Amino acid sequence: MIEIVDADRCITCDKCIEVCPTRVFDRGEDGIPVIARHGSCQTCFQCEAYCPVDALFVAPLVDPVPEDSRFRDLESLRAEGLIGGYRAVLGWGKGRSPGARSAVQPQTS
């Protein structure tokens, strides 16, 4: 479930708003997306995957995490490299190798 929008990284591109199939986000007055309908999140990771600056974190859970969860601690998530971590797994983003390409091994005869 979506837990974090990192306002320091966000470039107000609205990609997360556009790709969310359940319209979880609203555009804030400052342009930063706001998690407006947290309970509507389907944990599909589309917002995190399409964020070009790794400003989102979707916890790998289908229910909201408690307020004191490490999944709500932005500094901890940054330190662990979990912000935008789904994009890294997919191989999306500058300097990353696409996962499908690296998973394919050349056949030898």
PDB file of N, CA and C in Angstrom:
ATOM      1  N   MET A   1       0.847  -1.172   0.000  1.00  0.00           N
ATOM      2  CA  MET A   1       0.000   0.000   0.000  1.00  0.00           C
ATOM      3  C   MET A   1       0.892   1.235   0.000  1.00  0.00           C
ATOM      4  N   ILE A   2       0.494   2.263  -0.754  1.00  0.00           N
ATOM      5  CA  ILE A   2       1.281   3.500  -0.826  1.00  0.00           C
ATOM      6  C   ILE A   2       1.406   4.105   0.568  1.00  0.00           C
ATOM      7  N   GLU A   3       2.628   4.451   0.934  1.00  0.00           N
ATOM      8  CA  GLU A   3       2.872   5.004   2.268  1.00  0.00           C
ATOM      9  C   GLU A   3       3.569   6.352   2.225  1.00  0.00           C
ATOM     10  N   ILE A   4       4.430   6.587   1.230  1.00  0.00           N
ATOM     11  CA  ILE A   4       5.260   7.790   1.240  1.00  0.00           C
ATOM     12  C   ILE A   4       5.245   8.489  -0.110  1.00  0.00           C
ATOM     13  N   VAL A   5       5.091   9.804  -0.071  1.00  0.00           N
ATOM     14  CA  VAL A   5       5.407  10.690  -1.191  1.00  0.00           C
ATOM     15  C   VAL A   5       6.512  11.588  -0.662  1.00  0.00           C
ATOM     16  N   ASP A   6       7.706  11.445  -1.214  1.00  0.00           N
ATOM     17  CA  ASP A   6       8.864  12.227  -0.769  1.00  0.00           C
ATOM     18  C   ASP A   6       8.830  13.586  -1.465  1.00  0.00           C
ATOM     19  N   ALA A   7       8.357  14.593  -0.738  1.00  0.00           N
ATOM     20  CA  ALA A   7       8.195  15.932  -1.306  1.00  0.00           C
ATOM     21  C   ALA A   7       9.523  16.536  -1.761  1.00  0.00           C
ATOM     22  N   ASP A   8      10.631  16.142  -1.127  1.00  0.00           N
ATOM     23  CA  ASP A   8      11.938  16.670  -1.525  1.00  0.00           C
ATOM     24  C   ASP A   8      12.368  16.170  -2.896  1.00  0.00           C
ATOM     25  N   ARG A   9      11.958  14.977  -3.258  1.00  0.00           N
ATOM     26  CA  ARG A   9      12.331  14.408  -4.562  1.00  0.00           C
ATOM     27  C   ARG A   9      11.305  14.686  -5.651  1.00  0.00           C
ATOM     28  N   CYS A  10      10.046  14.856  -5.272  1.00  0.00           N
ATOM     29  CA  CYS A  10       8.956  15.002  -6.235  1.00  0.00           C
ATOM     30  C   CYS A  10       9.181  16.210  -7.154  1.00  0.00           C
ATOM     31  N   ILE A  11       8.938  16.000  -8.445  1.00  0.00           N
ATOM     32  CA  ILE A  11       9.075  17.090  -9.430  1.00  0.00           C
ATOM     33  C   ILE A  11       7.711  17.513  -9.975  1.00  0.00           C
ATOM     34  N   THR A  12       6.655  17.127  -9.316  1.00  0.00           N
ATOM     35  CA  THR A  12       5.274  17.478  -9.653  1.00  0.00           C
ATOM     36  C   THR A  12       4.922  17.168 -11.109  1.00  0.00           C
ATOM     37  N   CYS A  13       5.312  15.990 -11.569  1.00  0.00           N
ATOM     38  CA  CYS A  13       5.036  15.596 -12.948  1.00  0.00           C
ATOM     39  C   CYS A  13       3.659  14.968 -13.126  1.00  0.00           C
ATOM     40  N   ASP A  14       3.017  14.579 -12.040  1.00  0.00           N
ATOM     41  CA  ASP A  14       1.684  13.965 -12.034  1.00  0.00           C
ATOM     42  C   ASP A  14       1.624  12.548 -12.596  1.00  0.00           C
ATOM     43  N   LYS A  15       2.762  11.908 -12.834  1.00  0.00           N
ATOM     44  CA  LYS A  15       2.742  10.537 -13.360  1.00  0.00           C
ATOM     45  C   LYS A  15       1.989   9.608 -12.414  1.00  0.00           C
ATOM     46  N   CYS A  16       2.240   9.740 -11.116  1.00  0.00           N
ATOM     47  CA  CYS A  16       1.575   8.854 -10.150  1.00  0.00           C
ATOM     48  C   CYS A  16       0.059   9.045 -10.193  1.00  0.00           C
ATOM     49  N   ILE A  17      -0.367  10.278 -10.316  1.00  0.00           N
ATOM     50  CA  ILE A  17      -1.799  10.570 -10.394  1.00  0.00           C
ATOM     51  C   ILE A  17      -2.394   9.943 -11.644  1.00  0.00           C
ATOM     52  N   GLU A  18      -1.674  10.046 -12.754  1.00  0.00           N
ATOM     53  CA  GLU A  18      -2.161   9.541 -14.039  1.00  0.00           C
ATOM     54  C   GLU A  18      -2.238   8.020 -14.090  1.00  0.00           C
ATOM     55  N   VAL A  19      -1.266   7.321 -13.517  1.00  0.00           N
ATOM     56  CA  VAL A  19      -1.226   5.860 -13.671  1.00  0.00           C
ATOM     57  C   VAL A  19      -1.999   5.097 -12.608  1.00  0.00           C
ATOM     58  N   CYS A  20      -2.375   5.739 -11.531  1.00  0.00           N
ATOM     59  CA  CYS A  20      -3.063   5.037 -10.449  1.00  0.00           C
ATOM     60  C   CYS A  20      -4.457   4.586 -10.911  1.00  0.00           C
ATOM     61  N   PRO A  21      -4.703   3.268 -10.934  1.00  0.00           N
ATOM     62  CA  PRO A  21      -5.999   2.784 -11.423  1.00  0.00           C
ATOM     63  C   PRO A  21      -7.162   3.060 -10.480  1.00  0.00           C
ATOM     64  N   THR A  22      -6.879   3.389  -9.217  1.00  0.00           N
ATOM     65  CA  THR A  22      -7.962   3.626  -8.261  1.00  0.00           C
ATOM     66  C   THR A  22      -7.999   5.067  -7.749  1.00  0.00           C
ATOM     67  N   ARG A  23      -7.269   5.943  -8.412  1.00  0.00           N
ATOM     68  CA  ARG A  23      -7.298   7.384  -8.111  1.00  0.00           C
ATOM     69  C   ARG A  23      -7.006   7.674  -6.638  1.00  0.00           C
ATOM     70  N   VAL A  24      -5.925   7.119  -6.139  1.00  0.00           N
ATOM     71  CA  VAL A  24      -5.530   7.293  -4.749  1.00  0.00           C
ATOM     72  C   VAL A  24      -5.064   8.724  -4.477  1.00  0.00           C
ATOM     73  N   PHE A  25      -4.440   9.357  -5.465  1.00  0.00           N
ATOM     74  CA  PHE A  25      -3.804  10.658  -5.262  1.00  0.00           C
ATOM     75  C   PHE A  25      -4.673  11.826  -5.708  1.00  0.00           C
ATOM     76  N   ASP A  26      -4.496  12.949  -5.014  1.00  0.00           N
ATOM     77  CA  ASP A  26      -4.970  14.248  -5.455  1.00  0.00           C
ATOM     78  C   ASP A  26      -3.737  15.120  -5.599  1.00  0.00           C
ATOM     79  N   ARG A  27      -3.828  16.133  -6.430  1.00  0.00           N
ATOM     80  CA  ARG A  27      -2.723  17.084  -6.563  1.00  0.00           C
ATOM     81  C   ARG A  27      -2.851  18.104  -5.448  1.00  0.00           C
ATOM     82  N   GLY A  28      -1.806  18.240  -4.652  1.00  0.00           N
ATOM     83  CA  GLY A  28      -1.818  19.213  -3.567  1.00  0.00           C
ATOM     84  C   GLY A  28      -1.706  20.631  -4.093  1.00  0.00           C
ATOM     85  N   GLU A  29      -1.994  21.583  -3.243  1.00  0.00           N
ATOM     86  CA  GLU A  29      -1.922  22.991  -3.640  1.00  0.00           C
ATOM     87  C   GLU A  29      -0.527  23.385  -4.098  1.00  0.00           C
ATOM     88  N   ASP A  30       0.499  22.722  -3.546  1.00  0.00           N
ATOM     89  CA  ASP A  30       1.883  23.000  -3.937  1.00  0.00           C
ATOM     90  C   ASP A  30       2.329  22.158  -5.129  1.00  0.00           C
ATOM     91  N   GLY A  31       1.414  21.330  -5.669  1.00  0.00           N
ATOM     92  CA  GLY A  31       1.732  20.481  -6.803  1.00  0.00           C
ATOM     93  C   GLY A  31       2.175  19.091  -6.421  1.00  0.00           C
ATOM     94  N   ILE A  32       2.535  18.894  -5.163  1.00  0.00           N
ATOM     95  CA  ILE A  32       2.977  17.585  -4.684  1.00  0.00           C
ATOM     96  C   ILE A  32       1.742  16.692  -4.521  1.00  0.00           C
ATOM     97  N   PRO A  33       1.771  15.476  -5.065  1.00  0.00           N
ATOM     98  CA  PRO A  33       0.628  14.576  -4.893  1.00  0.00           C
ATOM     99  C   PRO A  33       0.381  14.263  -3.421  1.00  0.00           C
ATOM    100  N   VAL A  34      -0.881  14.155  -3.083  1.00  0.00           N
ATOM    101  CA  VAL A  34      -1.319  13.850  -1.727  1.00  0.00           C
ATOM    102  C   VAL A  34      -2.014  12.494  -1.767  1.00  0.00           C
ATOM    103  N   ILE A  35      -1.715  11.639  -0.805  1.00  0.00           N
ATOM    104  CA  ILE A  35      -2.409  10.355  -0.697  1.00  0.00           C
ATOM    105  C   ILE A  35      -3.781  10.663  -0.113  1.00  0.00           C
ATOM    106  N   ALA A  36      -4.784  10.775  -0.971  1.00  0.00           N
ATOM    107  CA  ALA A  36      -6.102  11.228  -0.564  1.00  0.00           C
ATOM    108  C   ALA A  36      -7.059  10.085  -0.225  1.00  0.00           C
ATOM    109  N   ARG A  37      -6.859   8.944  -0.877  1.00  0.00           N
ATOM    110  CA  ARG A  37      -7.737   7.801  -0.651  1.00  0.00           C
ATOM    111  C   ARG A  37      -6.879   6.559  -0.384  1.00  0.00           C
ATOM    112  N   HIS A  38      -6.207   6.586   0.756  1.00  0.00           N
ATOM    113  CA  HIS A  38      -5.259   5.541   1.129  1.00  0.00           C
ATOM    114  C   HIS A  38      -5.886   4.149   1.042  1.00  0.00           C
ATOM    115  N   GLY A  39      -7.101   4.012   1.516  1.00  0.00           N
ATOM    116  CA  GLY A  39      -7.777   2.719   1.522  1.00  0.00           C
ATOM    117  C   GLY A  39      -8.101   2.185   0.139  1.00  0.00           C
ATOM    118  N   SER A  40      -8.025   3.029  -0.876  1.00  0.00           N
ATOM    119  CA  SER A  40      -8.297   2.580  -2.247  1.00  0.00           C
ATOM    120  C   SER A  40      -7.079   1.972  -2.927  1.00  0.00           C
ATOM    121  N   CYS A  41      -5.907   2.107  -2.327  1.00  0.00           N
ATOM    122  CA  CYS A  41      -4.676   1.581  -2.920  1.00  0.00           C
ATOM    123  C   CYS A  41      -4.759   0.062  -3.038  1.00  0.00           C
ATOM    124  N   GLN A  42      -4.426  -0.452  -4.215  1.00  0.00           N
ATOM    125  CA  GLN A  42      -4.438  -1.891  -4.461  1.00  0.00           C
ATOM    126  C   GLN A  42      -3.039  -2.503  -4.426  1.00  0.00           C
ATOM    127  N   THR A  43      -2.055  -1.726  -4.012  1.00  0.00           N
ATOM    128  CA  THR A  43      -0.667  -2.192  -3.926  1.00  0.00           C
ATOM    129  C   THR A  43      -0.201  -2.735  -5.276  1.00  0.00           C
ATOM    130  N   CYS A  44      -0.541  -2.012  -6.344  1.00  0.00           N
ATOM    131  CA  CYS A  44      -0.158  -2.444  -7.695  1.00  0.00           C
ATOM    132  C   CYS A  44       1.237  -1.949  -8.075  1.00  0.00           C
ATOM    133  N   PHE A  45       1.779  -1.000  -7.324  1.00  0.00           N
ATOM    134  CA  PHE A  45       3.126  -0.453  -7.518  1.00  0.00           C
ATOM    135  C   PHE A  45       3.259   0.412  -8.779  1.00  0.00           C
ATOM    136  N   GLN A  46       2.173   0.690  -9.483  1.00  0.00           N
ATOM    137  CA  GLN A  46       2.276   1.484 -10.712  1.00  0.00           C
ATOM    138  C   GLN A  46       2.801   2.886 -10.439  1.00  0.00           C
ATOM    139  N   CYS A  47       2.344   3.504  -9.365  1.00  0.00           N
ATOM    140  CA  CYS A  47       2.815   4.857  -9.051  1.00  0.00           C
ATOM    141  C   CYS A  47       4.319   4.862  -8.817  1.00  0.00           C
ATOM    142  N   GLU A  48       4.799   3.905  -8.024  1.00  0.00           N
ATOM    143  CA  GLU A  48       6.229   3.831  -7.735  1.00  0.00           C
ATOM    144  C   GLU A  48       7.025   3.491  -8.989  1.00  0.00           C
ATOM    145  N   ALA A  49       6.496   2.600  -9.801  1.00  0.00           N
ATOM    146  CA  ALA A  49       7.205   2.192 -11.012  1.00  0.00           C
ATOM    147  C   ALA A  49       7.360   3.340 -12.005  1.00  0.00           C
ATOM    148  N   TYR A  50       6.344   4.177 -12.132  1.00  0.00           N
ATOM    149  CA  TYR A  50       6.378   5.244 -13.132  1.00  0.00           C
ATOM    150  C   TYR A  50       6.945   6.558 -12.632  1.00  0.00           C
ATOM    151  N   CYS A  51       7.229   6.673 -11.349  1.00  0.00           N
ATOM    152  CA  CYS A  51       7.797   7.907 -10.815  1.00  0.00           C
ATOM    153  C   CYS A  51       9.232   8.057 -11.336  1.00  0.00           C
ATOM    154  N   PRO A  52       9.502   9.101 -12.123  1.00  0.00           N
ATOM    155  CA  PRO A  52      10.830   9.231 -12.741  1.00  0.00           C
ATOM    156  C   PRO A  52      11.940   9.626 -11.770  1.00  0.00           C
ATOM    157  N   VAL A  53      11.588  10.014 -10.553  1.00  0.00           N
ATOM    158  CA  VAL A  53      12.612  10.465  -9.598  1.00  0.00           C
ATOM    159  C   VAL A  53      12.614   9.659  -8.299  1.00  0.00           C
ATOM    160  N   ASP A  54      11.975   8.500  -8.312  1.00  0.00           N
ATOM    161  CA  ASP A  54      11.956   7.619  -7.143  1.00  0.00           C
ATOM    162  C   ASP A  54      11.481   8.342  -5.883  1.00  0.00           C
ATOM    163  N   ALA A  55      10.354   9.029  -5.988  1.00  0.00           N
ATOM    164  CA  ALA A  55       9.835   9.804  -4.866  1.00  0.00           C
ATOM    165  C   ALA A  55       8.719   9.094  -4.100  1.00  0.00           C
ATOM    166  N   LEU A  56       8.419   7.861  -4.467  1.00  0.00           N
ATOM    167  CA  LEU A  56       7.308   7.157  -3.832  1.00  0.00           C
ATOM    168  C   LEU A  56       7.767   5.846  -3.211  1.00  0.00           C
ATOM    169  N   PHE A  57       7.046   5.442  -2.176  1.00  0.00           N
ATOM    170  CA  PHE A  57       7.286   4.133  -1.585  1.00  0.00           C
ATOM    171  C   PHE A  57       5.957   3.446  -1.363  1.00  0.00           C
ATOM    172  N   VAL A  58       5.826   2.265  -1.959  1.00  0.00           N
ATOM    173  CA  VAL A  58       4.670   1.410  -1.750  1.00  0.00           C
ATOM    174  C   VAL A  58       5.139   0.249  -0.879  1.00  0.00           C
ATOM    175  N   ALA A  59       4.564   0.132   0.303  1.00  0.00           N
ATOM    176  CA  ALA A  59       4.903  -0.991   1.175  1.00  0.00           C
ATOM    177  C   ALA A  59       4.317  -2.261   0.576  1.00  0.00           C
ATOM    178  N   PRO A  60       5.033  -3.363   0.663  1.00  0.00           N
ATOM    179  CA  PRO A  60       4.553  -4.614   0.064  1.00  0.00           C
ATOM    180  C   PRO A  60       3.479  -5.290   0.919  1.00  0.00           C
ATOM    181  N   LEU A  61       2.481  -4.509   1.298  1.00  0.00           N
ATOM    182  CA  LEU A  61       1.397  -4.980   2.156  1.00  0.00           C
ATOM    183  C   LEU A  61       0.074  -4.477   1.598  1.00  0.00           C
ATOM    184  N   VAL A  62      -0.998  -5.169   1.892  1.00  0.00           N
ATOM    185  CA  VAL A  62      -2.302  -4.748   1.378  1.00  0.00           C
ATOM    186  C   VAL A  62      -3.106  -3.916   2.378  1.00  0.00           C
ATOM    187  N   ASP A  63      -2.568  -3.716   3.564  1.00  0.00           N
ATOM    188  CA  ASP A  63      -3.211  -2.880   4.575  1.00  0.00           C
ATOM    189  C   ASP A  63      -2.267  -1.754   4.961  1.00  0.00           C
ATOM    190  N   PRO A  64      -2.799  -0.614   5.396  1.00  0.00           N
ATOM    191  CA  PRO A  64      -1.927   0.473   5.849  1.00  0.00           C
ATOM    192  C   PRO A  64      -1.049   0.002   7.003  1.00  0.00           C
ATOM    193  N   VAL A  65       0.167   0.511   7.038  1.00  0.00           N
ATOM    194  CA  VAL A  65       1.074   0.151   8.131  1.00  0.00           C
ATOM    195  C   VAL A  65       0.829   1.075   9.320  1.00  0.00           C
ATOM    196  N   PRO A  66       1.170   0.631  10.533  1.00  0.00           N
ATOM    197  CA  PRO A  66       1.006   1.492  11.711  1.00  0.00           C
ATOM    198  C   PRO A  66       1.878   2.745  11.596  1.00  0.00           C
ATOM    199  N   GLU A  67       1.485   3.785  12.292  1.00  0.00           N
ATOM    200  CA  GLU A  67       2.219   5.054  12.273  1.00  0.00           C
ATOM    201  C   GLU A  67       3.689   4.880  12.629  1.00  0.00           C
ATOM    202  N   ASP A  68       4.005   3.945  13.521  1.00  0.00           N
ATOM    203  CA  ASP A  68       5.385   3.770  13.966  1.00  0.00           C
ATOM    204  C   ASP A  68       6.169   2.747  13.135  1.00  0.00           C
ATOM    205  N   SER A  69       5.612   2.316  12.022  1.00  0.00           N
ATOM    206  CA  SER A  69       6.276   1.334  11.162  1.00  0.00           C
ATOM    207  C   SER A  69       7.503   1.936  10.473  1.00  0.00           C
ATOM    208  N   ARG A  70       8.500   1.115  10.240  1.00  0.00           N
ATOM    209  CA  ARG A  70       9.676   1.570   9.490  1.00  0.00           C
ATOM    210  C   ARG A  70       9.296   1.942   8.061  1.00  0.00           C
ATOM    211  N   PHE A  71       8.160   1.430   7.574  1.00  0.00           N
ATOM    212  CA  PHE A  71       7.696   1.758   6.232  1.00  0.00           C
ATOM    213  C   PHE A  71       7.129   3.175   6.137  1.00  0.00           C
ATOM    214  N   ARG A  72       7.047   3.867   7.252  1.00  0.00           N
ATOM    215  CA  ARG A  72       6.610   5.269   7.253  1.00  0.00           C
ATOM    216  C   ARG A  72       7.741   6.209   7.641  1.00  0.00           C
ATOM    217  N   ASP A  73       8.922   5.669   7.850  1.00  0.00           N
ATOM    218  CA  ASP A  73      10.086   6.458   8.251  1.00  0.00           C
ATOM    219  C   ASP A  73      10.898   6.792   7.001  1.00  0.00           C
ATOM    220  N   LEU A  74      10.704   7.992   6.482  1.00  0.00           N
ATOM    221  CA  LEU A  74      11.328   8.397   5.225  1.00  0.00           C
ATOM    222  C   LEU A  74      12.845   8.280   5.261  1.00  0.00           C
ATOM    223  N   GLU A  75      13.465   8.735   6.334  1.00  0.00           N
ATOM    224  CA  GLU A  75      14.931   8.682   6.421  1.00  0.00           C
ATOM    225  C   GLU A  75      15.442   7.243   6.400  1.00  0.00           C
ATOM    226  N   SER A  76      14.757   6.377   7.091  1.00  0.00           N
ATOM    227  CA  SER A  76      15.131   4.961   7.107  1.00  0.00           C
ATOM    228  C   SER A  76      14.972   4.347   5.719  1.00  0.00           C
ATOM    229  N   LEU A  77      13.880   4.673   5.059  1.00  0.00           N
ATOM    230  CA  LEU A  77      13.647   4.145   3.712  1.00  0.00           C
ATOM    231  C   LEU A  77      14.699   4.653   2.729  1.00  0.00           C
ATOM    232  N   ARG A  78      15.076   5.913   2.870  1.00  0.00           N
ATOM    233  CA  ARG A  78      16.144   6.452   2.016  1.00  0.00           C
ATOM    234  C   ARG A  78      17.453   5.718   2.272  1.00  0.00           C
ATOM    235  N   ALA A  79      17.787   5.534   3.549  1.00  0.00           N
ATOM    236  CA  ALA A  79      19.044   4.879   3.913  1.00  0.00           C
ATOM    237  C   ALA A  79      19.101   3.440   3.409  1.00  0.00           C
ATOM    238  N   GLU A  80      17.956   2.774   3.418  1.00  0.00           N
ATOM    239  CA  GLU A  80      17.894   1.385   2.960  1.00  0.00           C
ATOM    240  C   GLU A  80      17.755   1.270   1.440  1.00  0.00           C
ATOM    241  N   GLY A  81      17.595   2.409   0.756  1.00  0.00           N
ATOM    242  CA  GLY A  81      17.426   2.375  -0.691  1.00  0.00           C
ATOM    243  C   GLY A  81      16.071   1.845  -1.131  1.00  0.00           C
ATOM    244  N   LEU A  82      15.086   1.950  -0.249  1.00  0.00           N
ATOM    245  CA  LEU A  82      13.763   1.421  -0.581  1.00  0.00           C
ATOM    246  C   LEU A  82      12.873   2.420  -1.310  1.00  0.00           C
ATOM    247  N   ILE A  83      13.159   3.699  -1.195  1.00  0.00           N
ATOM    248  CA  ILE A  83      12.380   4.675  -1.960  1.00  0.00           C
ATOM    249  C   ILE A  83      12.701   4.433  -3.434  1.00  0.00           C
ATOM    250  N   GLY A  84      11.665   4.142  -4.219  1.00  0.00           N
ATOM    251  CA  GLY A  84      11.887   3.829  -5.626  1.00  0.00           C
ATOM    252  C   GLY A  84      12.491   2.458  -5.846  1.00  0.00           C
ATOM    253  N   GLY A  85      12.496   1.642  -4.830  1.00  0.00           N
ATOM    254  CA  GLY A  85      13.103   0.320  -4.922  1.00  0.00           C
ATOM    255  C   GLY A  85      12.457  -0.584  -5.957  1.00  0.00           C
ATOM    256  N   TYR A  86      11.166  -0.407  -6.182  1.00  0.00           N
ATOM    257  CA  TYR A  86      10.476  -1.240  -7.175  1.00  0.00           C
ATOM    258  C   TYR A  86      11.001  -0.944  -8.572  1.00  0.00           C
ATOM    259  N   ARG A  87      11.267   0.317  -8.860  1.00  0.00           N
ATOM    260  CA  ARG A  87      11.846   0.684 -10.165  1.00  0.00           C
ATOM    261  C   ARG A  87      13.205   0.016 -10.345  1.00  0.00           C
ATOM    262  N   ALA A  88      13.977  -0.043  -9.290  1.00  0.00           N
ATOM    263  CA  ALA A  88      15.291  -0.685  -9.376  1.00  0.00           C
ATOM    264  C   ALA A  88      15.145  -2.170  -9.682  1.00  0.00           C
ATOM    265  N   VAL A  89      14.180  -2.825  -9.041  1.00  0.00           N
ATOM    266  CA  VAL A  89      13.943  -4.248  -9.303  1.00  0.00           C
ATOM    267  C   VAL A  89      13.539  -4.464 -10.753  1.00  0.00           C
ATOM    268  N   LEU A  90      12.742  -3.534 -11.286  1.00  0.00           N
ATOM    269  CA  LEU A  90      12.314  -3.638 -12.681  1.00  0.00           C
ATOM    270  C   LEU A  90      13.441  -3.320 -13.660  1.00  0.00           C
ATOM    271  N   GLY A  91      14.472  -2.635 -13.164  1.00  0.00           N
ATOM    272  CA  GLY A  91      15.554  -2.217 -14.047  1.00  0.00           C
ATOM    273  C   GLY A  91      15.266  -0.889 -14.721  1.00  0.00           C
ATOM    274  N   TRP A  92      14.260  -0.164 -14.218  1.00  0.00           N
ATOM    275  CA  TRP A  92      13.898   1.124 -14.794  1.00  0.00           C
ATOM    276  C   TRP A  92      14.728   2.215 -14.142  1.00  0.00           C
ATOM    277  N   GLY A  93      15.091   3.211 -14.905  1.00  0.00           N
ATOM    278  CA  GLY A  93      15.785   4.370 -14.362  1.00  0.00           C
ATOM    279  C   GLY A  93      17.203   4.480 -14.864  1.00  0.00           C
ATOM    280  N   LYS A  94      17.742   5.664 -14.734  1.00  0.00           N
ATOM    281  CA  LYS A  94      19.079   5.975 -15.222  1.00  0.00           C
ATOM    282  C   LYS A  94      20.130   5.036 -14.624  1.00  0.00           C
ATOM    283  N   GLY A  95      20.939   4.474 -15.490  1.00  0.00           N
ATOM    284  CA  GLY A  95      22.042   3.642 -15.053  1.00  0.00           C
ATOM    285  C   GLY A  95      21.665   2.238 -14.626  1.00  0.00           C
ATOM    286  N   ARG A  96      20.408   1.857 -14.828  1.00  0.00           N
ATOM    287  CA  ARG A  96      19.971   0.522 -14.424  1.00  0.00           C
ATOM    288  C   ARG A  96      19.834  -0.366 -15.657  1.00  0.00           C
ATOM    289  N   SER A  97      20.056  -1.630 -15.474  1.00  0.00           N
ATOM    290  CA  SER A  97      19.884  -2.602 -16.548  1.00  0.00           C
ATOM    291  C   SER A  97      18.496  -3.199 -16.456  1.00  0.00           C
ATOM    292  N   PRO A  98      17.772  -3.244 -17.562  1.00  0.00           N
ATOM    293  CA  PRO A  98      16.439  -3.848 -17.521  1.00  0.00           C
ATOM    294  C   PRO A  98      16.503  -5.275 -16.993  1.00  0.00           C
ATOM    295  N   GLY A  99      15.631  -5.606 -16.057  1.00  0.00           N
ATOM    296  CA  GLY A  99      15.626  -6.917 -15.425  1.00  0.00           C
ATOM    297  C   GLY A  99      15.458  -8.057 -16.404  1.00  0.00           C
ATOM    298  N   ALA A 100      14.572  -7.897 -17.399  1.00  0.00           N
ATOM    299  CA  ALA A 100      14.336  -8.978 -18.343  1.00  0.00           C
ATOM    300  C   ALA A 100      15.591  -9.280 -19.154  1.00  0.00           C
ATOM    301  N   ARG A 101      16.310  -8.252 -19.531  1.00  0.00           N
ATOM    302  CA  ARG A 101      17.528  -8.470 -20.317  1.00  0.00           C
ATOM    303  C   ARG A 101      18.593  -9.177 -19.499  1.00  0.00           C
ATOM    304  N   SER A 102      18.730  -8.772 -18.248  1.00  0.00           N
ATOM    305  CA  SER A 102      19.768  -9.393 -17.430  1.00  0.00           C
ATOM    306  C   SER A 102      19.385 -10.801 -16.994  1.00  0.00           C
ATOM    307  N   ALA A 103      18.099 -11.126 -17.047  1.00  0.00           N
ATOM    308  CA  ALA A 103      17.650 -12.460 -16.654  1.00  0.00           C
ATOM    309  C   ALA A 103      17.824 -13.476 -17.772  1.00  0.00           C
ATOM    310  N   VAL A 104      17.901 -12.984 -19.006  1.00  0.00           N
ATOM    311  CA  VAL A 104      18.052 -13.881 -20.155  1.00  0.00           C
ATOM    312  C   VAL A 104      19.512 -14.253 -20.305  1.00  0.00           C
ATOM    313  N   GLN A 105      19.781 -15.515 -20.316  1.00  0.00           N
ATOM    314  CA  GLN A 105      21.140 -16.003 -20.474  1.00  0.00           C
ATOM    315  C   GLN A 105      21.342 -16.473 -21.912  1.00  0.00           C
ATOM    316  N   PRO A 106      22.466 -16.153 -22.524  1.00  0.00           N
ATOM    317  CA  PRO A 106      22.695 -16.636 -23.883  1.00  0.00           C
ATOM    318  C   PRO A 106      22.800 -18.160 -23.877  1.00  0.00           C
ATOM    319  N   GLN A 107      22.230 -18.751 -24.896  1.00  0.00           N
ATOM    320  CA  GLN A 107      22.296 -20.214 -25.007  1.00  0.00           C
ATOM    321  C   GLN A 107      23.637 -20.627 -25.583  1.00  0.00           C
ATOM    322  N   THR A 108      24.180 -21.667 -25.047  1.00  0.00           N
ATOM    323  CA  THR A 108      25.447 -22.190 -25.558  1.00  0.00           C
ATOM    324  C   THR A 108      25.192 -23.545 -26.192  1.00  0.00           C
ATOM    325  N   SER A 109      25.912 -23.826 -27.228  1.00  0.00           N
ATOM    326  CA  SER A 109      25.738 -25.108 -27.911  1.00  0.00           C
ATOM    327  C   SER A 109      26.762 -26.097 -27.481  1.00  0.00           C
TER     328      SER A 109
END
